[in-house]
Amino acid sequence: MSRKAKTFEESMQRLEEIVRLLEENKLPLDESIALFEEGLQLSKDCDTKLKDFYKKVEDITKKNEGEADEL
């Protein structure tokens, strides 16, 4: 069964939770490392999504500028 991809907001919420847990410094080292690894992956996923969103906004803006020139 495939894992459902998290939304940007879900990923950020989980990332904030991981940061909080790691800052508490109460977890065993193995769990801390696993959370750190999960956090790095979430960070990469969020960065990719932000870049995709930025490109979409640029594309929409360029498209709309072209349409405005035609008026």
N, C-alpha and C. Protein backbone atom coordinates (compact mmCIF):
# COMPACT_ATOMS: atom_id res chain seq x y z
N MET A 1 0.85 -1.17 0.00
CA MET A 1 0.00 0.00 0.00
C MET A 1 0.90 1.24 0.00
N SER A 2 0.65 2.16 -0.90
CA SER A 2 1.49 3.35 -0.99
C SER A 2 1.06 4.39 0.04
N ARG A 3 2.05 5.13 0.49
CA ARG A 3 1.81 6.18 1.49
C ARG A 3 1.31 7.43 0.78
N LYS A 4 0.24 8.03 1.32
CA LYS A 4 -0.31 9.25 0.74
C LYS A 4 0.67 10.39 0.96
N ALA A 5 0.94 11.14 -0.11
CA ALA A 5 1.84 12.28 0.00
C ALA A 5 1.21 13.35 0.88
N LYS A 6 2.03 13.92 1.76
CA LYS A 6 1.55 14.97 2.65
C LYS A 6 1.46 16.29 1.88
N THR A 7 0.51 17.11 2.29
CA THR A 7 0.45 18.46 1.75
C THR A 7 1.61 19.26 2.33
N PHE A 8 1.85 20.43 1.75
CA PHE A 8 2.90 21.30 2.28
C PHE A 8 2.64 21.61 3.75
N GLU A 9 1.39 21.95 4.05
CA GLU A 9 1.03 22.32 5.43
C GLU A 9 1.21 21.14 6.38
N GLU A 10 0.83 19.95 5.96
CA GLU A 10 1.02 18.76 6.81
C GLU A 10 2.50 18.49 7.06
N SER A 11 3.29 18.65 6.01
CA SER A 11 4.74 18.45 6.15
C SER A 11 5.35 19.47 7.11
N MET A 12 4.94 20.72 6.98
CA MET A 12 5.46 21.75 7.88
C MET A 12 5.05 21.50 9.32
N GLN A 13 3.81 21.06 9.51
CA GLN A 13 3.33 20.77 10.87
C GLN A 13 4.15 19.62 11.48
N ARG A 14 4.40 18.58 10.69
CA ARG A 14 5.20 17.45 11.19
C ARG A 14 6.64 17.90 11.46
N LEU A 15 7.17 18.73 10.60
CA LEU A 15 8.53 19.23 10.79
C LEU A 15 8.64 20.04 12.08
N GLU A 16 7.65 20.87 12.35
CA GLU A 16 7.64 21.64 13.60
C GLU A 16 7.57 20.70 14.81
N GLU A 17 6.77 19.64 14.70
CA GLU A 17 6.67 18.66 15.79
C GLU A 17 8.03 17.98 16.02
N ILE A 18 8.70 17.62 14.94
CA ILE A 18 10.02 16.98 15.05
C ILE A 18 11.01 17.91 15.73
N VAL A 19 11.02 19.17 15.34
CA VAL A 19 11.93 20.14 15.94
C VAL A 19 11.65 20.24 17.44
N ARG A 20 10.37 20.31 17.81
CA ARG A 20 10.02 20.41 19.22
C ARG A 20 10.52 19.18 19.99
N LEU A 21 10.31 18.00 19.43
CA LEU A 21 10.74 16.76 20.10
C LEU A 21 12.25 16.71 20.25
N LEU A 22 12.96 17.12 19.20
CA LEU A 22 14.42 17.09 19.28
C LEU A 22 14.96 18.13 20.25
N GLU A 23 14.30 19.28 20.32
CA GLU A 23 14.74 20.33 21.25
C GLU A 23 14.54 19.92 22.71
N GLU A 24 13.55 19.08 22.97
CA GLU A 24 13.32 18.61 24.34
C GLU A 24 14.45 17.72 24.82
N ASN A 25 15.16 17.09 23.90
CA ASN A 25 16.33 16.28 24.21
C ASN A 25 16.02 15.16 25.21
N LYS A 26 14.84 14.55 25.08
CA LYS A 26 14.43 13.49 26.01
C LYS A 26 14.36 12.12 25.35
N LEU A 27 14.59 12.06 24.04
CA LEU A 27 14.45 10.81 23.31
C LEU A 27 15.78 10.06 23.27
N PRO A 28 15.70 8.73 23.17
CA PRO A 28 16.94 7.96 22.97
C PRO A 28 17.60 8.38 21.65
N LEU A 29 18.89 8.19 21.57
CA LEU A 29 19.65 8.61 20.41
C LEU A 29 19.11 8.01 19.11
N ASP A 30 18.77 6.72 19.13
CA ASP A 30 18.25 6.08 17.91
C ASP A 30 16.98 6.77 17.41
N GLU A 31 16.08 7.11 18.31
CA GLU A 31 14.85 7.80 17.92
C GLU A 31 15.14 9.21 17.42
N SER A 32 16.08 9.87 18.07
CA SER A 32 16.46 11.22 17.65
C SER A 32 17.03 11.21 16.24
N ILE A 33 17.87 10.23 15.95
CA ILE A 33 18.46 10.12 14.61
C ILE A 33 17.37 9.85 13.58
N ALA A 34 16.43 8.97 13.90
CA ALA A 34 15.34 8.65 12.98
C ALA A 34 14.48 9.90 12.72
N LEU A 35 14.19 10.65 13.77
CA LEU A 35 13.42 11.88 13.61
C LEU A 35 14.18 12.91 12.79
N PHE A 36 15.47 13.02 13.04
CA PHE A 36 16.30 13.96 12.29
C PHE A 36 16.28 13.61 10.80
N GLU A 37 16.40 12.33 10.50
CA GLU A 37 16.36 11.87 9.11
C GLU A 37 15.00 12.17 8.47
N GLU A 38 13.93 11.92 9.21
CA GLU A 38 12.58 12.24 8.72
C GLU A 38 12.45 13.75 8.47
N GLY A 39 12.99 14.54 9.39
CA GLY A 39 12.94 15.98 9.25
C GLY A 39 13.68 16.47 8.02
N LEU A 40 14.84 15.88 7.75
CA LEU A 40 15.58 16.27 6.56
C LEU A 40 14.79 15.96 5.29
N GLN A 41 14.13 14.80 5.26
CA GLN A 41 13.34 14.44 4.09
C GLN A 41 12.15 15.38 3.93
N LEU A 42 11.50 15.69 5.04
CA LEU A 42 10.38 16.64 4.99
C LEU A 42 10.84 18.01 4.49
N SER A 43 12.00 18.43 4.95
CA SER A 43 12.56 19.72 4.53
C SER A 43 12.81 19.72 3.02
N LYS A 44 13.36 18.65 2.51
CA LYS A 44 13.60 18.54 1.07
C LYS A 44 12.28 18.55 0.30
N ASP A 45 11.29 17.82 0.81
CA ASP A 45 9.97 17.78 0.16
C ASP A 45 9.34 19.17 0.12
N CYS A 46 9.42 19.89 1.24
CA CYS A 46 8.85 21.24 1.31
C CYS A 46 9.57 22.17 0.35
N ASP A 47 10.89 22.06 0.28
CA ASP A 47 11.66 22.90 -0.63
C ASP A 47 11.25 22.64 -2.08
N THR A 48 11.09 21.38 -2.44
CA THR A 48 10.65 21.02 -3.80
C THR A 48 9.28 21.59 -4.09
N LYS A 49 8.36 21.45 -3.13
CA LYS A 49 7.00 21.97 -3.33
C LYS A 49 7.01 23.48 -3.47
N LEU A 50 7.80 24.17 -2.67
CA LEU A 50 7.88 25.63 -2.77
C LEU A 50 8.42 26.06 -4.13
N LYS A 51 9.44 25.36 -4.61
CA LYS A 51 9.99 25.68 -5.93
C LYS A 51 8.95 25.45 -7.02
N ASP A 52 8.17 24.36 -6.89
CA ASP A 52 7.11 24.08 -7.86
C ASP A 52 6.03 25.16 -7.82
N PHE A 53 5.64 25.57 -6.61
CA PHE A 53 4.63 26.63 -6.46
C PHE A 53 5.14 27.93 -7.08
N TYR A 54 6.38 28.26 -6.82
CA TYR A 54 6.98 29.49 -7.35
C TYR A 54 6.96 29.47 -8.87
N LYS A 55 7.32 28.32 -9.46
CA LYS A 55 7.32 28.21 -10.92
C LYS A 55 5.91 28.37 -11.47
N LYS A 56 4.92 27.78 -10.81
CA LYS A 56 3.53 27.92 -11.26
C LYS A 56 3.10 29.39 -11.23
N VAL A 57 3.46 30.09 -10.16
CA VAL A 57 3.10 31.50 -10.05
C VAL A 57 3.78 32.30 -11.16
N GLU A 58 5.05 32.02 -11.41
CA GLU A 58 5.75 32.70 -12.51
C GLU A 58 5.06 32.43 -13.85
N ASP A 59 4.71 31.17 -14.10
CA ASP A 59 4.05 30.80 -15.36
C ASP A 59 2.70 31.52 -15.50
N ILE A 60 1.94 31.55 -14.43
CA ILE A 60 0.64 32.22 -14.47
C ILE A 60 0.82 33.71 -14.71
N THR A 61 1.81 34.29 -14.04
CA THR A 61 2.08 35.72 -14.19
C THR A 61 2.48 36.04 -15.63
N LYS A 62 3.37 35.23 -16.18
CA LYS A 62 3.82 35.46 -17.57
C LYS A 62 2.66 35.30 -18.54
N LYS A 63 1.83 34.29 -18.30
CA LYS A 63 0.68 34.07 -19.17
C LYS A 63 -0.27 35.26 -19.12
N ASN A 64 -0.54 35.74 -17.93
CA ASN A 64 -1.44 36.88 -17.77
C ASN A 64 -0.86 38.17 -18.33
N GLU A 65 0.44 38.34 -18.24
CA GLU A 65 1.09 39.53 -18.83
C GLU A 65 0.92 39.51 -20.34
N GLY A 66 1.06 38.34 -20.95
CA GLY A 66 0.89 38.19 -22.38
C GLY A 66 -0.54 38.50 -22.80
N GLU A 67 -1.51 38.06 -22.02
CA GLU A 67 -2.91 38.32 -22.32
C GLU A 67 -3.23 39.81 -22.16
N ALA A 68 -2.62 40.46 -21.19
CA ALA A 68 -2.85 41.89 -20.95
C ALA A 68 -2.29 42.70 -22.12
N ASP A 69 -1.18 42.25 -22.69
CA ASP A 69 -0.59 42.95 -23.84
C ASP A 69 -1.50 42.89 -25.06
N GLU A 70 -2.30 41.82 -25.17
CA GLU A 70 -3.18 41.65 -26.31
C GLU A 70 -4.41 42.54 -26.25
N LEU A 71 -4.74 43.05 -25.07
CA LEU A 71 -5.94 43.88 -24.92
C LEU A 71 -5.78 45.22 -25.51
